[in-house]
Amino acid sequence: MDGLPPTARLIGIGWYVAACIVFGVIGGVELDKAFGLKPILTMVGLAVGMALAFWGGYRLLIDTLGSLSSNRKKEK
């Protein structure tokens, strides 16, 4: 991801966050259908998706901001 411009990196972070949440909810809904535990596993999937989105989004954002600051130092 180092060769991408900053705007593309930020768009990628947004897609990552959205995908984590959506896949967590979809997984929870499917597990609810399989086990008959209507809202419980959907909420668990949402919570897991949000936790992964936060953690991974934070890591990606820190990497992006770190590379931006190092690029600015090289330009000076």
Protein backbone atom coordinates (compact mmCIF):
# COMPACT_ATOMS: atom_id res chain seq x y z
CA MET A 1 0.00 0.00 0.00
CA ASP A 2 3.04 2.25 0.15
CA GLY A 3 2.88 3.17 -3.54
CA LEU A 4 -0.66 4.51 -3.37
CA PRO A 5 -1.47 8.21 -2.98
CA PRO A 6 -2.88 9.28 0.40
CA THR A 7 -6.41 9.70 -0.92
CA ALA A 8 -6.49 6.12 -2.18
CA ARG A 9 -5.18 4.89 1.15
CA LEU A 10 -7.92 6.75 3.04
CA ILE A 11 -10.58 5.35 0.70
CA GLY A 12 -9.15 1.90 1.35
CA ILE A 13 -9.45 2.45 5.10
CA GLY A 14 -13.10 3.41 4.65
CA TRP A 15 -13.78 0.27 2.64
CA TYR A 16 -12.00 -1.83 5.25
CA VAL A 17 -14.15 -0.40 8.05
CA ALA A 18 -17.36 -0.90 6.07
CA ALA A 19 -16.44 -4.46 5.06
CA CYS A 20 -15.63 -5.49 8.65
CA ILE A 21 -18.97 -4.24 9.93
CA VAL A 22 -21.02 -5.64 7.04
CA PHE A 23 -19.38 -9.07 7.14
CA GLY A 24 -19.75 -9.20 10.93
CA VAL A 25 -23.48 -8.49 10.70
CA ILE A 26 -24.02 -10.88 7.78
CA GLY A 27 -22.16 -13.62 9.63
CA GLY A 28 -24.24 -13.00 12.73
CA VAL A 29 -27.50 -13.10 10.77
CA GLU A 30 -26.54 -16.36 9.09
CA LEU A 31 -25.54 -17.93 12.40
CA ASP A 32 -28.82 -16.73 13.92
CA LYS A 33 -30.71 -18.48 11.12
CA ALA A 34 -28.73 -21.67 11.67
CA PHE A 35 -29.08 -21.79 15.45
CA GLY A 36 -32.40 -19.97 15.96
CA LEU A 37 -30.99 -17.34 18.31
CA LYS A 38 -32.59 -14.43 16.48
CA PRO A 39 -30.91 -11.18 17.62
CA ILE A 40 -28.08 -12.45 19.81
CA LEU A 41 -25.49 -13.59 17.25
CA THR A 42 -26.28 -10.63 14.99
CA MET A 43 -25.34 -8.31 17.83
CA VAL A 44 -22.22 -10.35 18.55
CA GLY A 45 -21.27 -10.19 14.87
CA LEU A 46 -21.84 -6.43 14.87
CA ALA A 47 -19.68 -6.01 17.96
CA VAL A 48 -16.88 -8.17 16.53
CA GLY A 49 -17.05 -6.34 13.19
CA MET A 50 -16.90 -2.97 14.90
CA ALA A 51 -13.97 -4.04 17.07
CA LEU A 52 -12.05 -5.32 14.03
CA ALA A 53 -12.94 -2.18 12.09
CA PHE A 54 -11.69 0.07 14.88
CA TRP A 55 -8.47 -1.86 15.48
CA GLY A 56 -7.60 -2.37 11.82
CA GLY A 57 -8.70 1.11 10.80
CA TYR A 58 -6.56 2.60 13.54
CA ARG A 59 -3.53 0.58 12.44
CA LEU A 60 -4.02 1.52 8.78
CA LEU A 61 -4.51 5.18 9.64
CA ILE A 62 -1.37 5.26 11.79
CA ASP A 63 0.63 3.65 8.96
CA THR A 64 -0.79 6.14 6.44
CA LEU A 65 -0.09 9.17 8.62
CA GLY A 66 3.40 7.86 9.42
CA SER A 67 4.27 7.47 5.77
CA LEU A 68 2.93 10.95 5.01
CA SER A 69 5.10 12.52 7.69
CA SER A 70 8.17 10.60 6.52
CA ASN A 71 7.53 11.73 2.93
CA ARG A 72 7.36 15.34 4.09
CA LYS A 73 10.65 14.98 5.94
CA LYS A 74 12.28 13.62 2.76
CA GLU A 75 11.03 16.58 0.71
CA LYS A 76 12.71 19.13 3.02
